[in-house]
Amino acid sequence: QVQLVESGGGLVQPGGSMRLSCEASGSVFSFNLMGWFRQAPGKLRELVAFIGRGGSTTYADSVNGRFTISRDGAKNTVYLQMNSLKPEDTAVYYCNLDQSSRYWGRGVQVTVSS
């Protein structure tokens, strides 16, 4: 059984920064990718960023250059550093493994507003 527990999130002003964390536990040794999706009200869930065990990364065009994903393999934890936040980044952010529909965290709310 796999568990994903996110932390971070909250309210931040436009232009601000925030860091999300997600710790994976359970049978996670076989997974390669860790990362994040997000879902804004009335919109489909979308990929934000992912990182492989070897450190390769993928970013959505909308966050490239502003967000940085990193990973601590020893802690089975993935981080998402979000800078220069915009109101359109407001969403629930979900941790995910291998971009699979089977493995999701509960989600954390990120609200960017003045």
C-alpha atoms as a PDB file:
ATOM      1  CA  GLN A   1       0.000   0.000   0.000  1.00  0.00           C
ATOM      2  CA  VAL A   2       1.242   3.448  -0.924  1.00  0.00           C
ATOM      3  CA  GLN A   3       0.545   6.659   0.949  1.00  0.00           C
ATOM      4  CA  LEU A   4       1.311  10.179  -0.194  1.00  0.00           C
ATOM      5  CA  VAL A   5       1.185  12.962   2.378  1.00  0.00           C
ATOM      6  CA  GLU A   6       1.451  16.555   1.191  1.00  0.00           C
ATOM      7  CA  SER A   7       2.347  19.597   3.271  1.00  0.00           C
ATOM      8  CA  GLY A   8       2.683  23.284   2.604  1.00  0.00           C
ATOM      9  CA  GLY A   9       0.096  25.319   0.811  1.00  0.00           C
ATOM     10  CA  GLY A  10      -1.972  28.235   1.986  1.00  0.00           C
ATOM     11  CA  LEU A  11      -2.445  31.846   0.959  1.00  0.00           C
ATOM     12  CA  VAL A  12       0.280  33.910  -0.696  1.00  0.00           C
ATOM     13  CA  GLN A  13       0.314  37.257  -2.468  1.00  0.00           C
ATOM     14  CA  PRO A  14       1.035  37.524  -6.194  1.00  0.00           C
ATOM     15  CA  GLY A  15       4.759  37.481  -6.772  1.00  0.00           C
ATOM     16  CA  GLY A  16       5.356  35.507  -3.602  1.00  0.00           C
ATOM     17  CA  SER A  17       6.857  32.089  -3.033  1.00  0.00           C
ATOM     18  CA  MET A  18       5.751  28.849  -1.448  1.00  0.00           C
ATOM     19  CA  ARG A  19       7.120  25.335  -1.066  1.00  0.00           C
ATOM     20  CA  LEU A  20       5.134  22.128  -1.162  1.00  0.00           C
ATOM     21  CA  SER A  21       6.381  18.787   0.132  1.00  0.00           C
ATOM     22  CA  CYS A  22       5.123  15.265  -0.408  1.00  0.00           C
ATOM     23  CA  GLU A  23       6.363  12.222   1.461  1.00  0.00           C
ATOM     24  CA  ALA A  24       5.690   8.787   0.037  1.00  0.00           C
ATOM     25  CA  SER A  25       5.510   5.716   2.228  1.00  0.00           C
ATOM     26  CA  GLY A  26       4.762   2.061   1.759  1.00  0.00           C
ATOM     27  CA  SER A  27       5.796   0.049  -1.285  1.00  0.00           C
ATOM     28  CA  VAL A  28       7.397   2.906  -3.185  1.00  0.00           C
ATOM     29  CA  PHE A  29      10.664   1.291  -4.243  1.00  0.00           C
ATOM     30  CA  SER A  30       9.380   0.429  -7.727  1.00  0.00           C
ATOM     31  CA  PHE A  31       8.255   3.911  -8.671  1.00  0.00           C
ATOM     32  CA  ASN A  32      10.353   6.139 -10.916  1.00  0.00           C
ATOM     33  CA  LEU A  33       8.495   9.427 -11.166  1.00  0.00           C
ATOM     34  CA  MET A  34       7.299  11.674  -8.348  1.00  0.00           C
ATOM     35  CA  GLY A  35       5.562  14.946  -8.919  1.00  0.00           C
ATOM     36  CA  TRP A  36       2.568  17.177  -8.907  1.00  0.00           C
ATOM     37  CA  PHE A  37      -0.695  17.813 -10.673  1.00  0.00           C
ATOM     38  CA  ARG A  38      -3.061  20.667  -9.903  1.00  0.00           C
ATOM     39  CA  GLN A  39      -6.739  21.354 -10.380  1.00  0.00           C
ATOM     40  CA  ALA A  40      -8.326  24.778 -10.385  1.00  0.00           C
ATOM     41  CA  PRO A  41     -12.080  25.257  -9.893  1.00  0.00           C
ATOM     42  CA  GLY A  42     -13.989  24.315 -13.017  1.00  0.00           C
ATOM     43  CA  LYS A  43     -10.886  23.047 -14.791  1.00  0.00           C
ATOM     44  CA  LEU A  44      -9.358  19.681 -15.520  1.00  0.00           C
ATOM     45  CA  ARG A  45      -6.495  18.354 -13.448  1.00  0.00           C
ATOM     46  CA  GLU A  46      -3.206  19.215 -15.140  1.00  0.00           C
ATOM     47  CA  LEU A  47       0.399  18.136 -14.826  1.00  0.00           C
ATOM     48  CA  VAL A  48       2.639  20.662 -13.086  1.00  0.00           C
ATOM     49  CA  ALA A  49       6.049  19.027 -12.698  1.00  0.00           C
ATOM     50  CA  PHE A  50       7.668  15.622 -12.307  1.00  0.00           C
ATOM     51  CA  ILE A  51      11.094  14.313 -11.437  1.00  0.00           C
ATOM     52  CA  GLY A  52      12.617  10.914 -12.077  1.00  0.00           C
ATOM     53  CA  ARG A  53      14.929   8.933  -9.818  1.00  0.00           C
ATOM     54  CA  GLY A  54      17.848  10.049 -11.930  1.00  0.00           C
ATOM     55  CA  GLY A  55      16.905  13.692 -11.600  1.00  0.00           C
ATOM     56  CA  SER A  56      15.320  14.294 -14.982  1.00  0.00           C
ATOM     57  CA  THR A  57      12.512  16.829 -14.793  1.00  0.00           C
ATOM     58  CA  THR A  58       9.391  17.805 -16.709  1.00  0.00           C
ATOM     59  CA  TYR A  59       7.487  21.051 -16.281  1.00  0.00           C
ATOM     60  CA  ALA A  60       4.281  22.451 -17.651  1.00  0.00           C
ATOM     61  CA  ASP A  61       4.942  25.416 -19.915  1.00  0.00           C
ATOM     62  CA  SER A  62       2.897  27.615 -17.593  1.00  0.00           C
ATOM     63  CA  VAL A  63       5.264  27.062 -14.644  1.00  0.00           C
ATOM     64  CA  ASN A  64       8.607  26.531 -16.397  1.00  0.00           C
ATOM     65  CA  GLY A  65      11.147  28.991 -15.066  1.00  0.00           C
ATOM     66  CA  ARG A  66       9.097  29.787 -11.968  1.00  0.00           C
ATOM     67  CA  PHE A  67       8.705  26.402 -10.274  1.00  0.00           C
ATOM     68  CA  THR A  68      11.478  23.993  -9.332  1.00  0.00           C
ATOM     69  CA  ILE A  69      10.932  20.362  -8.441  1.00  0.00           C
ATOM     70  CA  SER A  70      13.443  18.398  -6.394  1.00  0.00           C
ATOM     71  CA  ARG A  71      13.630  15.055  -4.671  1.00  0.00           C
ATOM     72  CA  ASP A  72      15.213  13.477  -1.610  1.00  0.00           C
ATOM     73  CA  GLY A  73      15.479   9.793  -2.411  1.00  0.00           C
ATOM     74  CA  ALA A  74      16.478   8.809   1.104  1.00  0.00           C
ATOM     75  CA  LYS A  75      13.297  10.377   2.475  1.00  0.00           C
ATOM     76  CA  ASN A  76      11.044   9.413  -0.472  1.00  0.00           C
ATOM     77  CA  THR A  77      10.059  13.054  -0.545  1.00  0.00           C
ATOM     78  CA  VAL A  78       9.456  15.418  -3.434  1.00  0.00           C
ATOM     79  CA  TYR A  79       9.444  19.200  -3.147  1.00  0.00           C
ATOM     80  CA  LEU A  80       7.930  21.891  -5.324  1.00  0.00           C
ATOM     81  CA  GLN A  81       9.418  25.339  -4.900  1.00  0.00           C
ATOM     82  CA  MET A  82       7.038  27.859  -6.412  1.00  0.00           C
ATOM     83  CA  ASN A  83       8.282  31.382  -7.087  1.00  0.00           C
ATOM     84  CA  SER A  84       6.741  34.412  -8.786  1.00  0.00           C
ATOM     85  CA  LEU A  85       3.313  33.012  -8.056  1.00  0.00           C
ATOM     86  CA  LYS A  86       0.360  34.274 -10.068  1.00  0.00           C
ATOM     87  CA  PRO A  87      -3.367  34.243  -9.323  1.00  0.00           C
ATOM     88  CA  GLU A  88      -3.768  31.624 -12.055  1.00  0.00           C
ATOM     89  CA  ASP A  89      -1.605  29.272  -9.997  1.00  0.00           C
ATOM     90  CA  THR A  90      -4.462  29.044  -7.512  1.00  0.00           C
ATOM     91  CA  ALA A  91      -5.500  25.394  -7.352  1.00  0.00           C
ATOM     92  CA  VAL A  92      -5.471  22.246  -5.297  1.00  0.00           C
ATOM     93  CA  TYR A  93      -2.079  20.625  -5.780  1.00  0.00           C
ATOM     94  CA  TYR A  94      -1.897  16.832  -5.738  1.00  0.00           C
ATOM     95  CA  CYS A  95       1.149  14.668  -5.266  1.00  0.00           C
ATOM     96  CA  ASN A  96       1.391  11.721  -7.646  1.00  0.00           C
ATOM     97  CA  LEU A  97       3.572   8.738  -8.487  1.00  0.00           C
ATOM     98  CA  ASP A  98       4.485   7.731 -12.021  1.00  0.00           C
ATOM     99  CA  GLN A  99       1.691   9.950 -13.414  1.00  0.00           C
ATOM    100  CA  SER A 100      -0.615   7.071 -12.512  1.00  0.00           C
ATOM    101  CA  SER A 101      -4.301   7.514 -11.781  1.00  0.00           C
ATOM    102  CA  ARG A 102      -3.919   5.065  -8.894  1.00  0.00           C
ATOM    103  CA  TYR A 103      -1.590   7.049  -6.637  1.00  0.00           C
ATOM    104  CA  TRP A 104      -2.706  10.416  -5.335  1.00  0.00           C
ATOM    105  CA  GLY A 105      -2.268  12.478  -2.220  1.00  0.00           C
ATOM    106  CA  ARG A 106      -5.238  14.214  -0.615  1.00  0.00           C
ATOM    107  CA  GLY A 107      -4.199  17.540  -2.101  1.00  0.00           C
ATOM    108  CA  VAL A 108      -3.249  20.922  -0.649  1.00  0.00           C
ATOM    109  CA  GLN A 109      -4.864  24.236  -1.450  1.00  0.00           C
ATOM    110  CA  VAL A 110      -2.669  26.981  -2.867  1.00  0.00           C
ATOM    111  CA  THR A 111      -4.327  30.379  -3.148  1.00  0.00           C
ATOM    112  CA  VAL A 112      -2.557  33.309  -4.780  1.00  0.00           C
ATOM    113  CA  SER A 113      -4.403  36.506  -4.023  1.00  0.00           C
ATOM    114  CA  SER A 114      -3.858  39.987  -2.726  1.00  0.00           C
END
